[in-house]
Amino acid sequence: MRILVSNDDGVYSPGIHALARVAQGYGDVRVVAPDVEQSAMSHAITIRRPLHYARVRIDGLDAFKVDGTPADCVALGAHHWDKVDLVLTGINLGLNIGHNIWHSGTVAAAKQASFLGIPAIAFSAPWVEGDIDYRVYESYLRRVIELFLAHPDLPLLNVNFPEEPRDLRWTKMSVRHYDGYVIPGQDPMGRTHYWFAEEPRERVEEGTDRWALDQGFVSLTPLRLDLTDDERLALARKVVQADG
């Protein structure tokens, strides 16, 4: 099995090294990741300039760095390594739950694989101060990968780890509304700058990714590429038929 590993934190992130080491237990592994951090790039792709694809050595792994986005990395990785069987992305330095799934470069890299017809899993963990001991997640990484491989009808999966996992839970995406606001500040040169910030307006919904993490569970959320609101589409069609 050929396993392509990518992320949005960059090729030198400790999270991608931890994921690649576990992936080696399931097949041949190749790392293709951004040369610098590309967090919150979502599914951006590079179309106005050429990309560069350079070999690097990381912990004895075959790895490449790309001066592009996470989605670029998966597209190039699949192009240079024919017949990739599985794409794994992460382990992201920070959770990708709820509305953050829309912004995440790590999830977008997995989506890019799914666009190419390659099954993919995105992995994320909480951001903490200091070094993260990724050994805490190793047994759960294996469980998730084996569960995913046993269900070939599951093309795209988003996985989030709590700090101290105690089991797995299937969840839905937490859809919460946020009060967004802008915080002005001043840089060392005296120029005004701005930070975007937000606060949730609703409580955590039971059965969601956010709820699972609050309970200490690893959250497994199946995703799909089709964003169509089927219920509203059916209702709209009924209205049109009734008017006709």
C-alpha atoms as a PDB file:
ATOM      1  CA  MET A   1       0.000   0.000   0.000  1.00  0.00           C
ATOM      2  CA  ARG A   2       1.234   3.486  -0.890  1.00  0.00           C
ATOM      3  CA  ILE A   3       0.462   6.085   1.775  1.00  0.00           C
ATOM      4  CA  LEU A   4       0.930   9.799   1.128  1.00  0.00           C
ATOM      5  CA  VAL A   5       1.246  11.957   4.266  1.00  0.00           C
ATOM      6  CA  SER A   6       0.737  15.724   4.281  1.00  0.00           C
ATOM      7  CA  ASN A   7      -0.345  18.601   6.544  1.00  0.00           C
ATOM      8  CA  ASP A   8      -0.658  22.389   6.767  1.00  0.00           C
ATOM      9  CA  ASP A   9       1.879  22.986   9.564  1.00  0.00           C
ATOM     10  CA  GLY A  10       4.859  22.340   7.317  1.00  0.00           C
ATOM     11  CA  VAL A  11       7.162  19.478   6.484  1.00  0.00           C
ATOM     12  CA  TYR A  12       9.203  19.944   9.668  1.00  0.00           C
ATOM     13  CA  SER A  13       6.241  19.804  12.057  1.00  0.00           C
ATOM     14  CA  PRO A  14       6.582  17.115  14.768  1.00  0.00           C
ATOM     15  CA  GLY A  15       2.961  16.114  14.169  1.00  0.00           C
ATOM     16  CA  ILE A  16       3.578  14.957  10.607  1.00  0.00           C
ATOM     17  CA  HIS A  17       6.623  12.981  11.727  1.00  0.00           C
ATOM     18  CA  ALA A  18       4.546  11.158  14.358  1.00  0.00           C
ATOM     19  CA  LEU A  19       1.819  10.358  11.823  1.00  0.00           C
ATOM     20  CA  ALA A  20       4.319   9.147   9.214  1.00  0.00           C
ATOM     21  CA  ARG A  21       5.986   6.821  11.716  1.00  0.00           C
ATOM     22  CA  VAL A  22       2.687   5.127  12.519  1.00  0.00           C
ATOM     23  CA  ALA A  23       1.745   4.990   8.826  1.00  0.00           C
ATOM     24  CA  GLN A  24       4.913   2.997   8.093  1.00  0.00           C
ATOM     25  CA  GLY A  25       3.237   0.052   9.796  1.00  0.00           C
ATOM     26  CA  TYR A  26       0.702  -0.108   6.952  1.00  0.00           C
ATOM     27  CA  GLY A  27       2.734   0.389   3.799  1.00  0.00           C
ATOM     28  CA  ASP A  28       5.246   2.499   1.903  1.00  0.00           C
ATOM     29  CA  VAL A  29       5.143   6.107   3.135  1.00  0.00           C
ATOM     30  CA  ARG A  30       6.006   9.338   1.367  1.00  0.00           C
ATOM     31  CA  VAL A  31       5.718  12.759   3.015  1.00  0.00           C
ATOM     32  CA  VAL A  32       4.774  15.727   0.799  1.00  0.00           C
ATOM     33  CA  ALA A  33       4.080  18.897   2.785  1.00  0.00           C
ATOM     34  CA  PRO A  34       4.439  22.696   2.635  1.00  0.00           C
ATOM     35  CA  ASP A  35       7.911  24.136   3.136  1.00  0.00           C
ATOM     36  CA  VAL A  36       6.441  26.629   5.660  1.00  0.00           C
ATOM     37  CA  GLU A  37       3.299  26.750   7.776  1.00  0.00           C
ATOM     38  CA  GLN A  38       0.100  27.093   5.734  1.00  0.00           C
ATOM     39  CA  SER A  39      -2.540  26.995   8.473  1.00  0.00           C
ATOM     40  CA  ALA A  40      -6.088  28.203   7.689  1.00  0.00           C
ATOM     41  CA  MET A  41      -5.409  28.122   3.932  1.00  0.00           C
ATOM     42  CA  SER A  42      -8.544  26.028   3.426  1.00  0.00           C
ATOM     43  CA  HIS A  43      -8.657  24.573  -0.119  1.00  0.00           C
ATOM     44  CA  ALA A  44      -6.583  27.261  -1.808  1.00  0.00           C
ATOM     45  CA  ILE A  45      -4.579  26.126  -4.837  1.00  0.00           C
ATOM     46  CA  THR A  46      -1.734  27.908  -6.603  1.00  0.00           C
ATOM     47  CA  ILE A  47      -2.514  28.985 -10.173  1.00  0.00           C
ATOM     48  CA  ARG A  48      -0.564  32.238 -10.739  1.00  0.00           C
ATOM     49  CA  ARG A  49       2.970  30.856 -10.461  1.00  0.00           C
ATOM     50  CA  PRO A  50       4.849  27.559 -10.787  1.00  0.00           C
ATOM     51  CA  LEU A  51       5.464  25.317  -7.782  1.00  0.00           C
ATOM     52  CA  HIS A  52       8.734  23.784  -6.618  1.00  0.00           C
ATOM     53  CA  TYR A  53       9.050  20.225  -5.323  1.00  0.00           C
ATOM     54  CA  ALA A  54      12.281  19.509  -3.386  1.00  0.00           C
ATOM     55  CA  ARG A  55      13.477  16.349  -1.668  1.00  0.00           C
ATOM     56  CA  VAL A  56      14.407  16.473   2.035  1.00  0.00           C
ATOM     57  CA  ARG A  57      15.292  13.788   4.572  1.00  0.00           C
ATOM     58  CA  ILE A  58      13.193  13.548   7.724  1.00  0.00           C
ATOM     59  CA  ASP A  59      13.734  10.770  10.255  1.00  0.00           C
ATOM     60  CA  GLY A  60      14.861   8.465   7.457  1.00  0.00           C
ATOM     61  CA  LEU A  61      11.627   9.008   5.523  1.00  0.00           C
ATOM     62  CA  ASP A  62      11.276   9.842   1.853  1.00  0.00           C
ATOM     63  CA  ALA A  63       9.966  13.429   2.054  1.00  0.00           C
ATOM     64  CA  PHE A  64       9.386  16.420  -0.184  1.00  0.00           C
ATOM     65  CA  LYS A  65       8.706  20.069   0.574  1.00  0.00           C
ATOM     66  CA  VAL A  66       6.510  22.243  -1.656  1.00  0.00           C
ATOM     67  CA  ASP A  67       6.311  26.034  -1.802  1.00  0.00           C
ATOM     68  CA  GLY A  68       2.535  25.873  -2.032  1.00  0.00           C
ATOM     69  CA  THR A  69      -0.658  25.091  -0.158  1.00  0.00           C
ATOM     70  CA  PRO A  70      -1.700  21.825   1.523  1.00  0.00           C
ATOM     71  CA  ALA A  71      -4.013  21.026  -1.408  1.00  0.00           C
ATOM     72  CA  ASP A  72      -1.092  21.680  -3.785  1.00  0.00           C
ATOM     73  CA  CYS A  73       1.014  19.193  -1.845  1.00  0.00           C
ATOM     74  CA  VAL A  74      -1.474  16.350  -2.178  1.00  0.00           C
ATOM     75  CA  ALA A  75      -2.057  17.075  -5.862  1.00  0.00           C
ATOM     76  CA  LEU A  76       1.691  17.089  -6.575  1.00  0.00           C
ATOM     77  CA  GLY A  77       2.333  14.091  -4.338  1.00  0.00           C
ATOM     78  CA  ALA A  78      -0.277  12.023  -6.159  1.00  0.00           C
ATOM     79  CA  HIS A  79       1.110  13.198  -9.514  1.00  0.00           C
ATOM     80  CA  HIS A  80       4.691  12.164  -8.712  1.00  0.00           C
ATOM     81  CA  TRP A  81       3.804   8.908  -6.961  1.00  0.00           C
ATOM     82  CA  ASP A  82       1.375   7.001  -9.121  1.00  0.00           C
ATOM     83  CA  LYS A  83      -1.421   4.896  -7.611  1.00  0.00           C
ATOM     84  CA  VAL A  84      -1.484   6.321  -4.080  1.00  0.00           C
ATOM     85  CA  ASP A  85      -3.820   4.117  -2.007  1.00  0.00           C
ATOM     86  CA  LEU A  86      -4.345   6.282   1.069  1.00  0.00           C
ATOM     87  CA  VAL A  87      -3.716   9.882   2.143  1.00  0.00           C
ATOM     88  CA  LEU A  88      -3.226  10.830   5.793  1.00  0.00           C
ATOM     89  CA  THR A  89      -2.962  14.473   6.869  1.00  0.00           C
ATOM     90  CA  GLY A  90      -1.825  16.006  10.169  1.00  0.00           C
ATOM     91  CA  ILE A  91      -1.341  15.570  13.007  1.00  0.00           C
ATOM     92  CA  ASN A  92      -2.444  19.203  13.047  1.00  0.00           C
ATOM     93  CA  LEU A  93      -1.243  21.512  15.812  1.00  0.00           C
ATOM     94  CA  GLY A  94      -4.742  22.569  16.887  1.00  0.00           C
ATOM     95  CA  LEU A  95      -8.219  21.088  16.651  1.00  0.00           C
ATOM     96  CA  ASN A  96     -10.237  21.123  13.437  1.00  0.00           C
ATOM     97  CA  ILE A  97     -13.806  20.847  14.673  1.00  0.00           C
ATOM     98  CA  GLY A  98     -17.037  22.628  13.887  1.00  0.00           C
ATOM     99  CA  HIS A  99     -16.723  25.634  11.600  1.00  0.00           C
ATOM    100  CA  ASN A 100     -12.904  25.314  11.655  1.00  0.00           C
ATOM    101  CA  ILE A 101     -13.286  22.440   9.191  1.00  0.00           C
ATOM    102  CA  TRP A 102     -14.078  25.073   6.550  1.00  0.00           C
ATOM    103  CA  HIS A 103     -10.803  26.922   7.171  1.00  0.00           C
ATOM    104  CA  SER A 104      -8.437  24.020   7.833  1.00  0.00           C
ATOM    105  CA  GLY A 105      -5.605  23.349   5.415  1.00  0.00           C
ATOM    106  CA  THR A 106      -5.121  19.907   6.956  1.00  0.00           C
ATOM    107  CA  VAL A 107      -8.730  18.936   6.223  1.00  0.00           C
ATOM    108  CA  ALA A 108      -8.462  20.525   2.760  1.00  0.00           C
ATOM    109  CA  ALA A 109      -5.449  18.341   1.969  1.00  0.00           C
ATOM    110  CA  ALA A 110      -7.569  15.285   2.777  1.00  0.00           C
ATOM    111  CA  LYS A 111     -10.420  16.708   0.670  1.00  0.00           C
ATOM    112  CA  GLN A 112      -8.024  17.133  -2.253  1.00  0.00           C
ATOM    113  CA  ALA A 113      -7.217  13.438  -2.032  1.00  0.00           C
ATOM    114  CA  SER A 114     -10.923  12.629  -2.028  1.00  0.00           C
ATOM    115  CA  PHE A 115     -11.384  14.803  -5.141  1.00  0.00           C
ATOM    116  CA  LEU A 116      -8.742  12.608  -6.779  1.00  0.00           C
ATOM    117  CA  GLY A 117     -10.572   9.443  -5.743  1.00  0.00           C
ATOM    118  CA  ILE A 118      -8.111   8.569  -2.962  1.00  0.00           C
ATOM    119  CA  PRO A 119      -9.472   7.702   0.519  1.00  0.00           C
ATOM    120  CA  ALA A 120      -8.204  10.148   3.144  1.00  0.00           C
ATOM    121  CA  ILE A 121      -8.151  10.873   6.874  1.00  0.00           C
ATOM    122  CA  ALA A 122      -7.350  14.222   8.510  1.00  0.00           C
ATOM    123  CA  PHE A 123      -5.957  14.097  12.066  1.00  0.00           C
ATOM    124  CA  SER A 124      -5.803  16.998  14.541  1.00  0.00           C
ATOM    125  CA  ALA A 125      -4.862  17.422  18.198  1.00  0.00           C
ATOM    126  CA  PRO A 126      -5.113  20.264  20.727  1.00  0.00           C
ATOM    127  CA  TRP A 127      -2.451  22.954  20.650  1.00  0.00           C
ATOM    128  CA  VAL A 128      -0.573  23.047  23.952  1.00  0.00           C
ATOM    129  CA  GLU A 129       2.385  24.944  25.325  1.00  0.00           C
ATOM    130  CA  GLY A 130       5.711  23.138  25.003  1.00  0.00           C
ATOM    131  CA  ASP A 131       6.448  19.805  23.344  1.00  0.00           C
ATOM    132  CA  ILE A 132       3.614  17.380  22.610  1.00  0.00           C
ATOM    133  CA  ASP A 133       4.090  13.694  23.414  1.00  0.00           C
ATOM    134  CA  TYR A 134       2.491  12.153  20.341  1.00  0.00           C
ATOM    135  CA  ARG A 135       2.944   8.651  21.738  1.00  0.00           C
ATOM    136  CA  VAL A 136      -0.346   9.248  23.583  1.00  0.00           C
ATOM    137  CA  TYR A 137      -2.121   9.127  20.222  1.00  0.00           C
ATOM    138  CA  GLU A 138      -0.297   6.229  18.557  1.00  0.00           C
ATOM    139  CA  SER A 139      -2.686   3.431  19.565  1.00  0.00           C
ATOM    140  CA  TYR A 140      -5.673   5.544  18.495  1.00  0.00           C
ATOM    141  CA  LEU A 141      -4.029   6.386  15.175  1.00  0.00           C
ATOM    142  CA  ARG A 142      -3.714   2.672  14.502  1.00  0.00           C
ATOM    143  CA  ARG A 143      -7.314   1.975  15.553  1.00  0.00           C
ATOM    144  CA  VAL A 144      -8.661   4.701  13.292  1.00  0.00           C
ATOM    145  CA  ILE A 145      -6.545   3.679  10.289  1.00  0.00           C
ATOM    146  CA  GLU A 146      -7.559   0.022  10.656  1.00  0.00           C
ATOM    147  CA  LEU A 147     -11.226   0.966  11.078  1.00  0.00           C
ATOM    148  CA  PHE A 148     -11.042   3.189   8.007  1.00  0.00           C
ATOM    149  CA  LEU A 149      -9.366   0.538   5.865  1.00  0.00           C
ATOM    150  CA  ALA A 150     -12.060  -1.945   6.887  1.00  0.00           C
ATOM    151  CA  HIS A 151     -14.757   0.380   5.493  1.00  0.00           C
ATOM    152  CA  PRO A 152     -13.849   1.166   1.843  1.00  0.00           C
ATOM    153  CA  ASP A 153     -17.213   2.951   1.439  1.00  0.00           C
ATOM    154  CA  LEU A 154     -15.959   5.694   3.790  1.00  0.00           C
ATOM    155  CA  PRO A 155     -13.960   8.076   1.535  1.00  0.00           C
ATOM    156  CA  LEU A 156     -13.202  11.034   3.844  1.00  0.00           C
ATOM    157  CA  LEU A 157     -12.835  11.178   7.620  1.00  0.00           C
ATOM    158  CA  ASN A 158     -12.018  14.017  10.019  1.00  0.00           C
ATOM    159  CA  VAL A 159     -10.466  12.907  13.322  1.00  0.00           C
ATOM    160  CA  ASN A 160      -9.740  15.017  16.411  1.00  0.00           C
ATOM    161  CA  PHE A 161      -7.924  13.947  19.572  1.00  0.00           C
ATOM    162  CA  PRO A 162      -8.532  15.267  23.086  1.00  0.00           C
ATOM    163  CA  GLU A 163      -5.457  15.760  25.271  1.00  0.00           C
ATOM    164  CA  GLU A 164      -6.058  12.448  27.084  1.00  0.00           C
ATOM    165  CA  PRO A 165      -8.133  10.101  24.888  1.00  0.00           C
ATOM    166  CA  ARG A 166     -10.240   7.371  26.496  1.00  0.00           C
ATOM    167  CA  ASP A 167     -12.129   5.919  23.513  1.00  0.00           C
ATOM    168  CA  LEU A 168     -13.520   6.607  20.032  1.00  0.00           C
ATOM    169  CA  ARG A 169     -16.860   8.178  19.147  1.00  0.00           C
ATOM    170  CA  TRP A 170     -18.595   8.702  15.795  1.00  0.00           C
ATOM    171  CA  THR A 171     -19.799  12.295  15.670  1.00  0.00           C
ATOM    172  CA  LYS A 172     -21.339  14.958  13.486  1.00  0.00           C
ATOM    173  CA  MET A 173     -19.870  18.363  12.789  1.00  0.00           C
ATOM    174  CA  SER A 174     -20.663  20.977  15.417  1.00  0.00           C
ATOM    175  CA  VAL A 175     -22.411  23.867  13.680  1.00  0.00           C
ATOM    176  CA  ARG A 176     -22.324  26.908  15.966  1.00  0.00           C
ATOM    177  CA  HIS A 177     -22.855  30.568  15.334  1.00  0.00           C
ATOM    178  CA  TYR A 178     -20.152  32.975  16.449  1.00  0.00           C
ATOM    179  CA  ASP A 179     -19.976  36.623  17.353  1.00  0.00           C
ATOM    180  CA  GLY A 180     -17.016  37.865  15.347  1.00  0.00           C
ATOM    181  CA  TYR A 181     -15.179  41.000  16.342  1.00  0.00           C
ATOM    182  CA  VAL A 182     -12.028  42.907  15.463  1.00  0.00           C
ATOM    183  CA  ILE A 183      -9.323  43.835  17.972  1.00  0.00           C
ATOM    184  CA  PRO A 184      -7.132  46.781  16.909  1.00  0.00           C
ATOM    185  CA  GLY A 185      -3.538  47.042  18.119  1.00  0.00           C
ATOM    186  CA  GLN A 186      -0.217  48.625  17.290  1.00  0.00           C
ATOM    187  CA  ASP A 187       2.961  47.013  15.984  1.00  0.00           C
ATOM    188  CA  PRO A 188       6.500  47.996  17.115  1.00  0.00           C
ATOM    189  CA  MET A 189       6.686  50.532  14.266  1.00  0.00           C
ATOM    190  CA  GLY A 190       3.602  52.341  15.528  1.00  0.00           C
ATOM    191  CA  ARG A 191       1.366  51.083  12.724  1.00  0.00           C
ATOM    192  CA  THR A 192      -2.197  50.002  13.447  1.00  0.00           C
ATOM    193  CA  HIS A 193      -2.939  46.322  12.946  1.00  0.00           C
ATOM    194  CA  TYR A 194      -5.979  44.129  13.562  1.00  0.00           C
ATOM    195  CA  TRP A 195      -6.723  40.682  14.988  1.00  0.00           C
ATOM    196  CA  PHE A 196      -9.887  38.777  14.136  1.00  0.00           C
ATOM    197  CA  ALA A 197     -11.473  37.005  17.118  1.00  0.00           C
ATOM    198  CA  GLU A 198     -14.726  35.229  17.931  1.00  0.00           C
ATOM    199  CA  GLU A 199     -16.935  33.912  20.726  1.00  0.00           C
ATOM    200  CA  PRO A 200     -19.487  31.080  20.447  1.00  0.00           C
ATOM    201  CA  ARG A 201     -23.152  31.972  20.932  1.00  0.00           C
ATOM    202  CA  GLU A 202     -24.548  28.504  21.662  1.00  0.00           C
ATOM    203  CA  ARG A 203     -23.944  25.575  23.980  1.00  0.00           C
ATOM    204  CA  VAL A 204     -22.141  22.431  22.833  1.00  0.00           C
ATOM    205  CA  GLU A 205     -24.514  20.024  21.087  1.00  0.00           C
ATOM    206  CA  GLU A 206     -24.448  16.414  22.258  1.00  0.00           C
ATOM    207  CA  GLY A 207     -23.193  13.956  19.645  1.00  0.00           C
ATOM    208  CA  THR A 208     -20.974  16.504  17.913  1.00  0.00           C
ATOM    209  CA  ASP A 209     -17.206  16.606  17.514  1.00  0.00           C
ATOM    210  CA  ARG A 210     -16.925  19.396  20.096  1.00  0.00           C
ATOM    211  CA  TRP A 211     -19.029  17.465  22.591  1.00  0.00           C
ATOM    212  CA  ALA A 212     -16.976  14.283  22.138  1.00  0.00           C
ATOM    213  CA  LEU A 213     -13.708  16.090  22.848  1.00  0.00           C
ATOM    214  CA  ASP A 214     -15.186  17.676  25.973  1.00  0.00           C
ATOM    215  CA  GLN A 215     -15.980  14.128  27.145  1.00  0.00           C
ATOM    216  CA  GLY A 216     -12.458  12.875  26.428  1.00  0.00           C
ATOM    217  CA  PHE A 217     -13.346  10.918  23.294  1.00  0.00           C
ATOM    218  CA  VAL A 218     -11.535  10.829  19.966  1.00  0.00           C
ATOM    219  CA  SER A 219     -13.998  12.332  17.485  1.00  0.00           C
ATOM    220  CA  LEU A 220     -14.533  10.597  14.117  1.00  0.00           C
ATOM    221  CA  THR A 221     -16.619  12.669  11.691  1.00  0.00           C
ATOM    222  CA  PRO A 222     -17.357  11.342   8.174  1.00  0.00           C
ATOM    223  CA  LEU A 223     -17.299  14.177   5.636  1.00  0.00           C
ATOM    224  CA  ARG A 224     -18.586  14.466   2.083  1.00  0.00           C
ATOM    225  CA  LEU A 225     -17.679  16.642  -0.874  1.00  0.00           C
ATOM    226  CA  ASP A 226     -21.261  17.335  -1.932  1.00  0.00           C
ATOM    227  CA  LEU A 227     -22.434  20.425   0.006  1.00  0.00           C
ATOM    228  CA  THR A 228     -25.953  20.316  -1.411  1.00  0.00           C
ATOM    229  CA  ASP A 229     -28.701  20.867   1.175  1.00  0.00           C
ATOM    230  CA  ASP A 230     -30.868  17.943   0.031  1.00  0.00           C
ATOM    231  CA  GLU A 231     -33.854  18.811   2.230  1.00  0.00           C
ATOM    232  CA  ARG A 232     -34.060  22.400   0.992  1.00  0.00           C
ATOM    233  CA  LEU A 233     -33.514  21.284  -2.586  1.00  0.00           C
ATOM    234  CA  ALA A 234     -36.413  18.823  -2.326  1.00  0.00           C
ATOM    235  CA  LEU A 235     -38.595  21.518  -0.755  1.00  0.00           C
ATOM    236  CA  ALA A 236     -37.686  24.025  -3.483  1.00  0.00           C
ATOM    237  CA  ARG A 237     -38.580  21.503  -6.169  1.00  0.00           C
ATOM    238  CA  LYS A 238     -41.946  20.852  -4.535  1.00  0.00           C
ATOM    239  CA  VAL A 239     -42.665  24.596  -4.444  1.00  0.00           C
ATOM    240  CA  VAL A 240     -41.789  24.961  -8.132  1.00  0.00           C
ATOM    241  CA  GLN A 241     -43.989  21.969  -9.065  1.00  0.00           C
ATOM    242  CA  ALA A 242     -46.877  23.362  -6.993  1.00  0.00           C
ATOM    243  CA  ASP A 243     -46.577  26.761  -8.654  1.00  0.00           C
ATOM    244  CA  GLY A 244     -46.491  25.136 -12.071  1.00  0.00           C
END
